[in-house]
C-alpha atoms as a PDB file:
ATOM      1  CA  MET A   1     -41.457  14.054-120.828  1.00  0.00           C
ATOM      2  CA  ILE A   2     -43.497  10.839-121.968  1.00  0.00           C
ATOM      3  CA  GLU A   3     -45.486   9.339-119.226  1.00  0.00           C
ATOM      4  CA  ASN A   4     -46.587   5.504-119.367  1.00  0.00           C
ATOM      5  CA  LYS A   5     -49.835   4.907-120.060  1.00  0.00           C
ATOM      6  CA  LYS A   6     -51.730   1.869-118.733  1.00  0.00           C
ATOM      7  CA  PRO A   7     -51.934  -0.953-121.529  1.00  0.00           C
ATOM      8  CA  SER A   8     -55.251  -1.400-122.975  1.00  0.00           C
ATOM      9  CA  GLN A   9     -57.025  -4.868-122.709  1.00  0.00           C
ATOM     10  CA  ASP A  10     -55.620  -5.392-126.067  1.00  0.00           C
ATOM     11  CA  ASP A  11     -52.252  -4.467-125.842  1.00  0.00           C
ATOM     12  CA  TRP A  12     -50.420  -6.971-128.107  1.00  0.00           C
ATOM     13  CA  ARG A  13     -47.891  -8.155-125.244  1.00  0.00           C
ATOM     14  CA  ARG A  14     -50.420  -9.486-123.273  1.00  0.00           C
ATOM     15  CA  ARG A  15     -50.778 -13.469-123.475  1.00  0.00           C
ATOM     16  CA  GLY A  16     -52.141 -14.957-120.126  1.00  0.00           C
ATOM     17  CA  GLN A  17     -48.934 -13.585-118.280  1.00  0.00           C
ATOM     18  CA  GLU A  18     -51.431 -12.815-114.847  1.00  0.00           C
ATOM     19  CA  LYS A  19     -51.817 -16.737-114.787  1.00  0.00           C
ATOM     20  CA  TYR A  20     -47.943 -16.762-113.371  1.00  0.00           C
ATOM     21  CA  LEU A  21     -46.914 -13.323-112.847  1.00  0.00           C
ATOM     22  CA  LYS A  22     -49.508 -11.420-110.930  1.00  0.00           C
ATOM     23  CA  GLY A  23     -48.284 -10.197-107.570  1.00  0.00           C
ATOM     24  CA  VAL A  24     -44.788 -12.026-107.884  1.00  0.00           C
ATOM     25  CA  GLU A  25     -41.826 -10.723-106.414  1.00  0.00           C
ATOM     26  CA  LEU A  26     -39.223  -9.391-108.881  1.00  0.00           C
ATOM     27  CA  VAL A  27     -35.666  -8.236-108.612  1.00  0.00           C
ATOM     28  CA  PHE A  28     -34.033  -5.650-110.453  1.00  0.00           C
ATOM     29  CA  LYS A  29     -30.640  -7.373-111.640  1.00  0.00           C
ATOM     30  CA  ASP A  30     -27.923  -7.949-113.983  1.00  0.00           C
ATOM     31  CA  TYR A  31     -28.860 -10.362-116.531  1.00  0.00           C
ATOM     32  CA  HIS A  32     -27.389 -14.006-115.868  1.00  0.00           C
ATOM     33  CA  PRO A  33     -28.615 -17.316-118.032  1.00  0.00           C
ATOM     34  CA  TYR A  34     -30.877 -19.431-115.916  1.00  0.00           C
ATOM     35  CA  SER A  35     -28.876 -22.606-116.705  1.00  0.00           C
ATOM     36  CA  LYS A  36     -25.791 -23.540-118.905  1.00  0.00           C
ATOM     37  CA  GLU A  37     -28.291 -24.911-121.411  1.00  0.00           C
ATOM     38  CA  TRP A  38     -29.063 -21.639-122.933  1.00  0.00           C
ATOM     39  CA  ASP A  39     -27.426 -18.226-123.438  1.00  0.00           C
ATOM     40  CA  HIS A  40     -30.388 -15.926-123.756  1.00  0.00           C
ATOM     41  CA  ASP A  41     -34.006 -15.310-122.380  1.00  0.00           C
ATOM     42  CA  HIS A  42     -36.814 -12.987-123.620  1.00  0.00           C
ATOM     43  CA  CYS A  43     -38.989 -10.346-121.939  1.00  0.00           C
ATOM     44  CA  GLU A  44     -41.974 -12.280-120.725  1.00  0.00           C
ATOM     45  CA  PHE A  45     -44.079  -9.326-122.589  1.00  0.00           C
ATOM     46  CA  CYS A  46     -42.585  -7.829-125.586  1.00  0.00           C
ATOM     47  CA  GLY A  47     -40.104 -10.581-126.559  1.00  0.00           C
ATOM     48  CA  LYS A  48     -37.026  -8.509-126.200  1.00  0.00           C
ATOM     49  CA  THR A  49     -33.792 -10.806-125.921  1.00  0.00           C
ATOM     50  CA  PHE A  50     -31.480 -10.799-122.783  1.00  0.00           C
ATOM     51  CA  SER A  51     -27.903 -11.959-122.839  1.00  0.00           C
ATOM     52  CA  LEU A  52     -24.748 -11.218-122.423  1.00  0.00           C
ATOM     53  CA  TYR A  53     -24.298 -10.532-126.361  1.00  0.00           C
ATOM     54  CA  GLU A  54     -23.449  -7.159-127.748  1.00  0.00           C
ATOM     55  CA  GLY A  55     -27.324  -5.161-128.598  1.00  0.00           C
ATOM     56  CA  ASP A  56     -29.238  -7.203-126.148  1.00  0.00           C
ATOM     57  CA  LEU A  57     -30.733  -6.022-122.742  1.00  0.00           C
ATOM     58  CA  LYS A  58     -28.221  -6.796-119.954  1.00  0.00           C
ATOM     59  CA  LYS A  59     -30.507  -5.433-116.747  1.00  0.00           C
ATOM     60  CA  GLY A  60     -34.284  -6.105-116.164  1.00  0.00           C
ATOM     61  CA  TYR A  61     -36.677  -7.443-113.548  1.00  0.00           C
ATOM     62  CA  SER A  62     -36.577 -11.199-112.934  1.00  0.00           C
ATOM     63  CA  THR A  63     -38.318 -13.387-110.952  1.00  0.00           C
ATOM     64  CA  LYS A  64     -36.528 -14.603-107.863  1.00  0.00           C
ATOM     65  CA  ASP A  65     -35.353 -17.875-109.403  1.00  0.00           C
ATOM     66  CA  GLY A  66     -34.029 -16.100-112.540  1.00  0.00           C
ATOM     67  CA  TYR A  67     -36.429 -18.092-114.981  1.00  0.00           C
ATOM     68  CA  ARG A  68     -38.663 -15.210-116.145  1.00  0.00           C
ATOM     69  CA  TRP A  69     -37.263 -12.058-117.575  1.00  0.00           C
ATOM     70  CA  ILE A  70     -39.219  -8.534-118.025  1.00  0.00           C
ATOM     71  CA  SER A  71     -37.908  -5.690-119.550  1.00  0.00           C
ATOM     72  CA  GLU A  72     -37.999  -2.177-117.919  1.00  0.00           C
ATOM     73  CA  ASP A  73     -40.546  -0.924-120.433  1.00  0.00           C
ATOM     74  CA  CYS A  74     -42.682  -3.495-119.860  1.00  0.00           C
ATOM     75  CA  PHE A  75     -42.313  -3.539-116.047  1.00  0.00           C
ATOM     76  CA  ASN A  76     -43.306   0.199-116.100  1.00  0.00           C
ATOM     77  CA  ASP A  77     -46.222  -0.390-118.389  1.00  0.00           C
ATOM     78  CA  PHE A  78     -47.405  -3.428-116.259  1.00  0.00           C
ATOM     79  CA  LYS A  79     -46.425  -2.800-112.834  1.00  0.00           C
ATOM     80  CA  GLU A  80     -49.413  -1.642-111.376  1.00  0.00           C
ATOM     81  CA  GLU A  81     -51.926  -3.781-112.838  1.00  0.00           C
ATOM     82  CA  PHE A  82     -49.862  -7.143-112.078  1.00  0.00           C
ATOM     83  CA  GLU A  83     -48.803  -5.986-108.298  1.00  0.00           C
ATOM     84  CA  TRP A  84     -45.542  -6.395-108.574  1.00  0.00           C
ATOM     85  CA  THR A  85     -42.949  -6.264-105.358  1.00  0.00           C
ATOM     86  CA  VAL A  86     -39.251  -5.467-106.158  1.00  0.00           C
ATOM     87  CA  ILE A  87     -37.224  -6.854-103.706  1.00  0.00           C
ATOM     88  CA  GLU A  88     -33.209  -6.756-103.331  1.00  0.00           C
ATOM     89  CA  GLU A  89     -31.286  -9.693-104.782  1.00  0.00           C
ATOM     90  CA  LEU A  90     -30.928 -12.421-102.452  1.00  0.00           C
END
């Protein structure tokens, strides 16, 4: 079994996300586009694509408004540092 290690401070996925993601409530849910104007989103950390298209991520952690998405891997890597709370979808 592989354990997730705490990401280092120079992890390539860090781009100042703590400014808008530190301590937020997240919902684990199926992907749905934020609006009709676009058909995909990207993980706020690794950039993996969320969409309804084959081969893309279909589930992940989202802010309550569905605007920001985080892959399961990145959630597991950063959950303690970012102090996220997972809530049930409203």
